[in-house]
Structures are given as structure tokens and as C-alpha cells.
C-alpha atoms as a PDB file:
ATOM      1  CA  MET A   1       5.428  -7.628  37.075  1.00  0.00           C
ATOM      2  CA  PHE A   2       6.475 -10.774  35.245  1.00  0.00           C
ATOM      3  CA  HIS A   3      10.051 -11.994  35.323  1.00  0.00           C
ATOM      4  CA  PRO A   4      11.861 -14.228  32.854  1.00  0.00           C
ATOM      5  CA  SER A   5      12.433 -17.804  33.908  1.00  0.00           C
ATOM      6  CA  SER A   6      15.992 -19.045  33.753  1.00  0.00           C
ATOM      7  CA  GLN A   7      14.582 -22.571  33.508  1.00  0.00           C
ATOM      8  CA  VAL A   8      13.060 -22.081  30.079  1.00  0.00           C
ATOM      9  CA  ALA A   9      15.117 -23.469  27.206  1.00  0.00           C
ATOM     10  CA  PHE A  10      13.843 -21.059  24.586  1.00  0.00           C
ATOM     11  CA  LYS A  11      15.652 -20.029  21.428  1.00  0.00           C
ATOM     12  CA  PRO A  12      13.816 -17.150  19.741  1.00  0.00           C
ATOM     13  CA  ASP A  13      16.453 -16.809  17.029  1.00  0.00           C
ATOM     14  CA  LEU A  14      15.743 -20.314  15.741  1.00  0.00           C
ATOM     15  CA  ILE A  15      12.017 -19.638  15.643  1.00  0.00           C
ATOM     16  CA  PHE A  16      12.655 -16.368  13.827  1.00  0.00           C
ATOM     17  CA  GLN A  17      14.795 -18.105  11.214  1.00  0.00           C
ATOM     18  CA  ARG A  18      12.001 -20.533  10.373  1.00  0.00           C
ATOM     19  CA  LYS A  19       9.377 -17.799  10.445  1.00  0.00           C
ATOM     20  CA  GLU A  20      11.377 -15.419   8.263  1.00  0.00           C
ATOM     21  CA  MET A  21      12.025 -18.130   5.670  1.00  0.00           C
ATOM     22  CA  GLU A  22       8.262 -18.533   5.297  1.00  0.00           C
ATOM     23  CA  ILE A  23       7.544 -14.781   5.216  1.00  0.00           C
ATOM     24  CA  SER A  24      10.372 -13.998   2.776  1.00  0.00           C
ATOM     25  CA  LYS A  25       8.556 -16.019   0.126  1.00  0.00           C
ATOM     26  CA  ILE A  26       5.779 -13.405   0.113  1.00  0.00           C
ATOM     27  CA  MET A  27       7.812 -10.251   0.590  1.00  0.00           C
ATOM     28  CA  LYS A  28       8.363  -8.957  -2.933  1.00  0.00           C
ATOM     29  CA  SER A  29       6.624  -5.594  -2.417  1.00  0.00           C
ATOM     30  CA  ILE A  30       6.522  -3.569   0.816  1.00  0.00           C
ATOM     31  CA  TRP A  31       5.127  -0.128   1.581  1.00  0.00           C
ATOM     32  CA  ILE A  32       6.412   1.519   4.762  1.00  0.00           C
ATOM     33  CA  ILE A  33       4.249   4.400   5.973  1.00  0.00           C
ATOM     34  CA  GLY A  34       6.577   6.726   7.873  1.00  0.00           C
ATOM     35  CA  ALA A  35      10.236   7.286   6.969  1.00  0.00           C
ATOM     36  CA  GLY A  36      11.524   8.224  10.400  1.00  0.00           C
ATOM     37  CA  ARG A  37      13.896   6.160  12.502  1.00  0.00           C
ATOM     38  CA  MET A  38      11.603   3.125  12.735  1.00  0.00           C
ATOM     39  CA  GLY A  39      10.620   3.238   9.085  1.00  0.00           C
ATOM     40  CA  VAL A  40      14.208   3.415   7.855  1.00  0.00           C
ATOM     41  CA  LYS A  41      15.207   0.647  10.256  1.00  0.00           C
ATOM     42  CA  ALA A  42      12.451  -1.555   8.860  1.00  0.00           C
ATOM     43  CA  ALA A  43      13.556  -0.820   5.296  1.00  0.00           C
ATOM     44  CA  ASP A  44      17.229  -1.543   6.078  1.00  0.00           C
ATOM     45  CA  VAL A  45      16.446  -4.822   7.839  1.00  0.00           C
ATOM     46  CA  LEU A  46      14.027  -6.094   5.221  1.00  0.00           C
ATOM     47  CA  ILE A  47      16.117  -5.173   2.183  1.00  0.00           C
ATOM     48  CA  HIS A  48      19.082  -6.934   3.809  1.00  0.00           C
ATOM     49  CA  LYS A  49      17.021 -10.080   4.315  1.00  0.00           C
ATOM     50  CA  ASN A  50      15.284  -9.833   0.949  1.00  0.00           C
ATOM     51  CA  PRO A  51      17.530  -7.965  -1.547  1.00  0.00           C
ATOM     52  CA  ASP A  52      15.033  -8.407  -4.377  1.00  0.00           C
ATOM     53  CA  SER A  53      12.168  -6.727  -2.506  1.00  0.00           C
ATOM     54  CA  GLU A  54      10.615  -3.534  -3.864  1.00  0.00           C
ATOM     55  CA  ILE A  55      10.446  -1.273  -0.813  1.00  0.00           C
ATOM     56  CA  THR A  56       8.716   2.102  -0.796  1.00  0.00           C
ATOM     57  CA  LEU A  57       9.016   4.525   2.135  1.00  0.00           C
ATOM     58  CA  VAL A  58       6.384   7.251   2.415  1.00  0.00           C
ATOM     59  CA  ASP A  59       6.590  10.407   4.525  1.00  0.00           C
ATOM     60  CA  LYS A  60       5.148  13.912   4.201  1.00  0.00           C
ATOM     61  CA  ASP A  61       8.186  15.641   5.735  1.00  0.00           C
ATOM     62  CA  LEU A  62      10.573  16.737   2.977  1.00  0.00           C
ATOM     63  CA  THR A  63      13.545  16.843   5.365  1.00  0.00           C
ATOM     64  CA  VAL A  64      12.834  13.306   6.527  1.00  0.00           C
ATOM     65  CA  CYS A  65      12.489  12.154   2.931  1.00  0.00           C
ATOM     66  CA  LYS A  66      15.874  13.566   1.987  1.00  0.00           C
ATOM     67  CA  LYS A  67      17.568  11.979   5.009  1.00  0.00           C
ATOM     68  CA  SER A  68      15.915   8.629   4.289  1.00  0.00           C
ATOM     69  CA  SER A  69      16.814   8.485   0.610  1.00  0.00           C
ATOM     70  CA  LYS A  70      18.987   5.489  -0.266  1.00  0.00           C
ATOM     71  CA  PRO A  71      19.615   3.628  -3.514  1.00  0.00           C
ATOM     72  CA  PHE A  72      18.059   0.409  -2.206  1.00  0.00           C
ATOM     73  CA  PHE A  73      14.469   1.630  -1.901  1.00  0.00           C
ATOM     74  CA  LYS A  74      12.081   4.231  -3.216  1.00  0.00           C
ATOM     75  CA  VAL A  75      11.060   7.289  -1.159  1.00  0.00           C
ATOM     76  CA  VAL A  76       7.742   9.044  -1.816  1.00  0.00           C
ATOM     77  CA  CYS A  77       7.307  12.427  -0.142  1.00  0.00           C
ATOM     78  CA  MET A  78       3.597  12.781   0.632  1.00  0.00           C
ATOM     79  CA  ASP A  79       1.123  12.111   3.415  1.00  0.00           C
ATOM     80  CA  GLY A  80       1.197   8.369   4.115  1.00  0.00           C
ATOM     81  CA  VAL A  81      -2.545   7.890   4.570  1.00  0.00           C
ATOM     82  CA  LEU A  82      -3.252   9.864   1.405  1.00  0.00           C
ATOM     83  CA  PHE A  83      -0.681   7.720  -0.412  1.00  0.00           C
ATOM     84  CA  LEU A  84      -2.576   4.591   0.655  1.00  0.00           C
ATOM     85  CA  HIS A  85      -5.892   6.159  -0.309  1.00  0.00           C
ATOM     86  CA  GLU A  86      -4.662   6.969  -3.808  1.00  0.00           C
ATOM     87  CA  ASN A  87      -2.546   3.891  -4.513  1.00  0.00           C
ATOM     88  CA  LEU A  88      -3.971   0.951  -2.572  1.00  0.00           C
ATOM     89  CA  ARG A  89      -6.419  -0.437  -5.116  1.00  0.00           C
ATOM     90  CA  ARG A  90      -6.466  -4.184  -4.632  1.00  0.00           C
ATOM     91  CA  PRO A  91      -5.979  -6.721  -1.819  1.00  0.00           C
ATOM     92  CA  ASP A  92      -3.034  -8.539  -3.404  1.00  0.00           C
ATOM     93  CA  TYR A  93      -0.574  -5.654  -3.817  1.00  0.00           C
ATOM     94  CA  PRO A  94       1.700  -4.780  -2.106  1.00  0.00           C
ATOM     95  CA  ASP A  95       2.530  -7.891  -0.122  1.00  0.00           C
ATOM     96  CA  TRP A  96       2.866  -5.936   3.133  1.00  0.00           C
ATOM     97  CA  ILE A  97       2.104  -2.539   4.610  1.00  0.00           C
ATOM     98  CA  ILE A  98       4.240  -1.504   7.567  1.00  0.00           C
ATOM     99  CA  PRO A  99       2.820   1.349   9.693  1.00  0.00           C
ATOM    100  CA  ALA A 100       5.795   3.318  11.046  1.00  0.00           C
ATOM    101  CA  ALA A 101       4.155   6.734  11.452  1.00  0.00           C
ATOM    102  CA  PRO A 102       3.021   8.157  14.827  1.00  0.00           C
ATOM    103  CA  ILE A 103      -0.657   7.663  13.934  1.00  0.00           C
ATOM    104  CA  HIS A 104      -3.095   4.748  13.719  1.00  0.00           C
ATOM    105  CA  VAL A 105      -2.520   4.247   9.996  1.00  0.00           C
ATOM    106  CA  ALA A 106      -5.222   1.636   9.283  1.00  0.00           C
ATOM    107  CA  TYR A 107      -7.817   3.672  11.162  1.00  0.00           C
ATOM    108  CA  GLU A 108      -6.990   6.885   9.331  1.00  0.00           C
ATOM    109  CA  TRP A 109      -7.139   5.039   5.994  1.00  0.00           C
ATOM    110  CA  ILE A 110     -10.577   3.653   6.846  1.00  0.00           C
ATOM    111  CA  ARG A 111     -11.824   7.127   7.776  1.00  0.00           C
ATOM    112  CA  LEU A 112     -10.509   8.670   4.562  1.00  0.00           C
ATOM    113  CA  LYS A 113     -11.788   5.787   2.453  1.00  0.00           C
ATOM    114  CA  LEU A 114     -15.328   6.183   3.803  1.00  0.00           C
ATOM    115  CA  SER A 115     -15.394   9.979   3.928  1.00  0.00           C
ATOM    116  CA  LYS A 116     -17.080  10.383   0.528  1.00  0.00           C
ATOM    117  CA  LYS A 117     -19.931   8.024   1.438  1.00  0.00           C
ATOM    118  CA  TYR A 118     -20.490   8.591   5.139  1.00  0.00           C
ATOM    119  CA  ARG A 119     -20.016  11.081   7.917  1.00  0.00           C
ATOM    120  CA  LEU A 120     -17.892   9.603  10.688  1.00  0.00           C
ATOM    121  CA  GLU A 121     -17.068  11.020  14.086  1.00  0.00           C
ATOM    122  CA  THR A 122     -14.174   9.847  16.254  1.00  0.00           C
ATOM    123  CA  ILE A 123     -15.401   9.288  19.806  1.00  0.00           C
ATOM    124  CA  SER A 124     -13.756   8.307  23.058  1.00  0.00           C
ATOM    125  CA  VAL A 125     -13.360   4.585  23.644  1.00  0.00           C
ATOM    126  CA  PRO A 126     -15.928   3.870  26.398  1.00  0.00           C
ATOM    127  CA  ASP A 127     -14.482   3.591  29.896  1.00  0.00           C
ATOM    128  CA  GLN A 128     -16.102   0.177  30.369  1.00  0.00           C
ATOM    129  CA  VAL A 129     -14.257  -1.120  27.327  1.00  0.00           C
ATOM    130  CA  VAL A 130     -10.952   0.423  28.421  1.00  0.00           C
ATOM    131  CA  MET A 131     -11.238  -1.198  31.847  1.00  0.00           C
ATOM    132  CA  SER A 132     -11.543  -4.603  30.190  1.00  0.00           C
ATOM    133  CA  LEU A 133      -8.302  -4.169  28.221  1.00  0.00           C
ATOM    134  CA  PRO A 134      -4.856  -5.338  29.379  1.00  0.00           C
ATOM    135  CA  ASN A 135      -2.563  -2.480  30.464  1.00  0.00           C
ATOM    136  CA  PRO A 136      -4.482   0.256  28.581  1.00  0.00           C
ATOM    137  CA  PHE A 137      -3.121   3.755  28.044  1.00  0.00           C
ATOM    138  CA  ARG A 138      -5.123   6.594  26.487  1.00  0.00           C
ATOM    139  CA  GLY A 139      -3.368   8.679  23.835  1.00  0.00           C
ATOM    140  CA  GLU A 140      -3.906  12.293  22.886  1.00  0.00           C
ATOM    141  CA  ALA A 141      -5.790  11.578  19.648  1.00  0.00           C
ATOM    142  CA  GLY A 142      -8.510   9.424  21.192  1.00  0.00           C
ATOM    143  CA  GLN A 143      -6.626   6.178  20.726  1.00  0.00           C
ATOM    144  CA  VAL A 144      -6.039   3.586  23.434  1.00  0.00           C
ATOM    145  CA  TYR A 145      -2.780   1.635  23.464  1.00  0.00           C
ATOM    146  CA  ILE A 146      -3.079  -1.953  24.673  1.00  0.00           C
ATOM    147  CA  SER A 147      -0.497  -4.552  25.685  1.00  0.00           C
ATOM    148  CA  ASN A 148      -0.328  -7.982  27.258  1.00  0.00           C
ATOM    149  CA  ALA A 149       3.018  -6.908  28.712  1.00  0.00           C
ATOM    150  CA  ASP A 150       3.715  -4.655  31.662  1.00  0.00           C
ATOM    151  CA  PHE A 151       7.424  -4.957  30.876  1.00  0.00           C
ATOM    152  CA  ILE A 152       9.696  -4.064  27.960  1.00  0.00           C
ATOM    153  CA  CYS A 153       9.558  -6.900  25.456  1.00  0.00           C
ATOM    154  CA  PRO A 154      12.827  -8.341  24.085  1.00  0.00           C
ATOM    155  CA  SER A 155      13.733  -6.851  20.718  1.00  0.00           C
ATOM    156  CA  ASN A 156      14.269 -10.280  19.155  1.00  0.00           C
ATOM    157  CA  CYS A 157      10.885 -11.711  20.144  1.00  0.00           C
ATOM    158  CA  PRO A 158       9.578 -13.877  17.271  1.00  0.00           C
ATOM    159  CA  GLU A 159       6.032 -13.762  18.654  1.00  0.00           C
ATOM    160  CA  PRO A 160       5.666 -17.570  18.938  1.00  0.00           C
ATOM    161  CA  GLU A 161       2.165 -18.981  19.069  1.00  0.00           C
ATOM    162  CA  GLU A 162       2.406 -20.856  22.342  1.00  0.00           C
ATOM    163  CA  ILE A 163       4.360 -18.811  24.880  1.00  0.00           C
ATOM    164  CA  CYS A 164       5.759 -15.401  25.769  1.00  0.00           C
ATOM    165  CA  THR A 165       9.492 -15.185  25.075  1.00  0.00           C
ATOM    166  CA  TYR A 166      10.043 -13.003  28.137  1.00  0.00           C
ATOM    167  CA  THR A 167       8.206 -15.031  30.773  1.00  0.00           C
ATOM    168  CA  GLY A 168       8.508 -18.447  29.159  1.00  0.00           C
ATOM    169  CA  LYS A 169       4.838 -18.939  30.041  1.00  0.00           C
ATOM    170  CA  PRO A 170       1.653 -19.122  27.971  1.00  0.00           C
ATOM    171  CA  ARG A 171       0.259 -15.742  26.939  1.00  0.00           C
ATOM    172  CA  PRO A 172      -2.688 -14.584  29.016  1.00  0.00           C
ATOM    173  CA  ARG A 173      -4.534 -14.015  25.730  1.00  0.00           C
ATOM    174  CA  ILE A 174      -4.025 -13.688  21.967  1.00  0.00           C
ATOM    175  CA  LEU A 175      -4.692  -9.976  21.808  1.00  0.00           C
ATOM    176  CA  HIS A 176      -6.137  -9.649  18.297  1.00  0.00           C
ATOM    177  CA  ASP A 177      -8.582 -12.485  19.026  1.00  0.00           C
ATOM    178  CA  PHE A 178      -9.503 -10.969  22.379  1.00  0.00           C
ATOM    179  CA  LEU A 179     -10.202  -7.552  20.847  1.00  0.00           C
ATOM    180  CA  GLU A 180     -12.290  -9.067  18.071  1.00  0.00           C
ATOM    181  CA  SER A 181     -14.483 -10.830  20.650  1.00  0.00           C
ATOM    182  CA  ILE A 182     -15.408  -7.645  22.537  1.00  0.00           C
ATOM    183  CA  GLN A 183     -19.139  -7.042  22.775  1.00  0.00           C
ATOM    184  CA  TYR A 184     -20.266  -3.754  24.242  1.00  0.00           C
ATOM    185  CA  ASP A 185     -23.530  -1.868  23.776  1.00  0.00           C
ATOM    186  CA  ASP A 186     -24.116  -1.292  20.027  1.00  0.00           C
ATOM    187  CA  PHE A 187     -20.406  -1.250  19.132  1.00  0.00           C
ATOM    188  CA  ARG A 188     -18.919  -3.653  16.640  1.00  0.00           C
ATOM    189  CA  SER A 189     -15.286  -4.593  17.185  1.00  0.00           C
ATOM    190  CA  VAL A 190     -13.194  -4.695  13.997  1.00  0.00           C
ATOM    191  CA  VAL A 191      -9.535  -5.722  14.150  1.00  0.00           C
ATOM    192  CA  VAL A 192      -6.714  -5.566  11.630  1.00  0.00           C
ATOM    193  CA  LYS A 193      -4.324  -8.397  12.434  1.00  0.00           C
ATOM    194  CA  SER A 194      -0.666  -7.382  12.373  1.00  0.00           C
ATOM    195  CA  GLN A 195       2.090  -9.951  11.872  1.00  0.00           C
ATOM    196  CA  GLN A 196       5.723  -9.775  12.851  1.00  0.00           C
ATOM    197  CA  LEU A 197       7.932  -9.662   9.760  1.00  0.00           C
ATOM    198  CA  SER A 198      11.279  -9.373  11.513  1.00  0.00           C
ATOM    199  CA  SER A 199      12.685  -8.337  14.872  1.00  0.00           C
ATOM    200  CA  GLY A 200      10.675  -5.327  16.048  1.00  0.00           C
ATOM    201  CA  ILE A 201       8.940  -4.947  12.666  1.00  0.00           C
ATOM    202  CA  GLY A 202       5.239  -5.623  12.227  1.00  0.00           C
ATOM    203  CA  GLY A 203       2.882  -5.189   9.313  1.00  0.00           C
ATOM    204  CA  TYR A 204      -0.338  -6.324   7.686  1.00  0.00           C
ATOM    205  CA  THR A 205      -1.543  -7.259   4.251  1.00  0.00           C
ATOM    206  CA  PRO A 206      -3.830  -5.139   2.072  1.00  0.00           C
ATOM    207  CA  LYS A 207      -6.275  -8.045   2.289  1.00  0.00           C
ATOM    208  CA  ALA A 208      -6.497  -7.497   6.046  1.00  0.00           C
ATOM    209  CA  ILE A 209      -7.458  -3.836   5.851  1.00  0.00           C
ATOM    210  CA  PHE A 210      -9.845  -4.319   2.927  1.00  0.00           C
ATOM    211  CA  LYS A 211     -11.572  -6.976   5.034  1.00  0.00           C
ATOM    212  CA  ALA A 212     -11.799  -4.478   7.899  1.00  0.00           C
ATOM    213  CA  LEU A 213     -13.231  -1.885   5.516  1.00  0.00           C
ATOM    214  CA  ARG A 214     -16.014  -4.274   4.468  1.00  0.00           C
ATOM    215  CA  GLN A 215     -16.787  -5.099   8.097  1.00  0.00           C
ATOM    216  CA  VAL A 216     -17.063  -1.426   9.000  1.00  0.00           C
ATOM    217  CA  GLU A 217     -19.318  -0.666   6.030  1.00  0.00           C
ATOM    218  CA  LYS A 218     -21.624  -3.537   6.923  1.00  0.00           C
ATOM    219  CA  SER A 219     -21.891  -2.544  10.564  1.00  0.00           C
ATOM    220  CA  ARG A 220     -23.145   1.037  10.138  1.00  0.00           C
ATOM    221  CA  SER A 221     -23.133   1.214  13.933  1.00  0.00           C
ATOM    222  CA  SER A 222     -20.549   2.465  16.399  1.00  0.00           C
ATOM    223  CA  VAL A 223     -17.209   0.778  15.841  1.00  0.00           C
ATOM    224  CA  LEU A 224     -14.219  -0.175  17.967  1.00  0.00           C
ATOM    225  CA  PHE A 225     -11.409  -0.260  15.428  1.00  0.00           C
ATOM    226  CA  SER A 226      -8.087  -1.845  16.380  1.00  0.00           C
ATOM    227  CA  THR A 227      -4.805  -2.897  14.873  1.00  0.00           C
ATOM    228  CA  ALA A 228      -3.129  -5.625  16.913  1.00  0.00           C
ATOM    229  CA  CYS A 229      -0.668  -8.488  16.908  1.00  0.00           C
ATOM    230  CA  ARG A 230      -0.670 -11.280  19.500  1.00  0.00           C
ATOM    231  CA  CYS A 231       0.581  -8.999  22.282  1.00  0.00           C
ATOM    232  CA  HIS A 232       0.188  -5.286  21.432  1.00  0.00           C
ATOM    233  CA  GLY A 233      -2.412  -3.085  19.813  1.00  0.00           C
ATOM    234  CA  VAL A 234      -4.074   0.294  19.385  1.00  0.00           C
ATOM    235  CA  MET A 235      -7.795   1.042  19.377  1.00  0.00           C
ATOM    236  CA  HIS A 236      -9.969   3.936  18.201  1.00  0.00           C
ATOM    237  CA  ALA A 237     -13.730   4.317  18.367  1.00  0.00           C
ATOM    238  CA  PHE A 238     -16.037   6.105  15.967  1.00  0.00           C
ATOM    239  CA  LYS A 239     -19.684   6.339  15.013  1.00  0.00           C
ATOM    240  CA  PHE A 240     -21.653   7.001  11.849  1.00  0.00           C
ATOM    241  CA  LEU A 241     -23.596  10.268  11.784  1.00  0.00           C
END
């Protein structure tokens, strides 16, 4: 278990301020997939920081939609992955997609997007791959959760490039780069890079998942498909039939 160092003069709030100023310049349109507690929190935080943003929350649960409805953002009551499938048409709109549903959103979008062309089968992530991952945990839907941390990360972590805000030490690895470098059997590793948009809120651009879609289509082999930031991620595996 790592422990924070009291000797480290680290000010995550200052880093976040600089980072958020840069991100806010490209945060005019945001789709949040999942309108539960985390989705609404993301919407509240981001609309406060960027009052001119167009924020759309998507959830298939009518009760959740009604509870989440506020005058500051739009609520669409339908399946989030289906919403992406029907409305995500180009890599430059919206600016950000925030997955806040209890599923691997990018993976499910890829599967639905390819379903008319190919037959895909979700398979278990191979044990040999899982054993190579940091702090892996298998989920009930075939996914594997991955984390550099074996501790609870601070909620205000700005995900700096050089060090971990909790330990004050260099990260053992940049997780999205590490996952992308995996070579195992005939699998191709495809990773959607997630970026931190605000405290506890991560998302990716349409460009990132369209790039992943092209990589998957070109591979036509078994695929390890992950969404990850520098420290945390989720992985599925599938094969073409």
C-alpha cells in the first residue's frame, strides 16, 4: 500500500486551474451518457464552470430522467449507447462524451456500430493478460477493471503528467499507453484515451472513439478493447466470427 508523503509540496488545485482553463476553451458541447448521481454531478460541475456549454444528459430510465431534469441542460430519455449510435455522426461534435453509465460505453458503441457488418462475440479477457495488469478486478459482464492505485484516489486529483498526487512519486506507468502496448497471441489492443475534465469527471472526444472504431475494423482479429486514463481503465475482449 502506498502512503502520501508529507514532504511533497504539491498543489493539485493550481494544476487543475491551469488545466481547466485550457479544456474550457473546447467545451461548448457535452454529451453525458447516464443521468444518475455521477452524470448529474458532472453536468452540475461543468455547467457551473462553463455556463455557455450545451450539455445533454442521456438515460433510458424515465424516473431518472425526471429527477435529473433541470433548466440548465437537456435530458434525453433513451438508451445511451443507442443515442450515440443514432446521433454520433462525425468526429468533431460534440466536444466531449462523458460515460457515466454502469457499462463500458465505448465498447458497447463499437459493438453496436459494427453489428450490421460483422458478427462479434464477447469473450473472457485471457488470464495471462489479466495477470499482467495492475490491480485487476473481473466484472460480471466480462469486463476487467484496472488501476495503478491500490488506494482511494483523492477526489481533486488533476491527473498531472509527472507524478501521482497521492504518493507524490512518479506513476509506475501511464495506463493508457501500457494497455495499448500489450501484445498477446493474435489479439490487438485498442484503447480509447480518457481525459480528466474536472475533479472526478473524465471523458473522451468523438475523434478518439472513431479512431478506435477504425482500428478494430482493420484488425479483424481478436481484440482487447479498453477505455483508460493515466491511472484507471476498463477492458473487454471480443472476437470476430
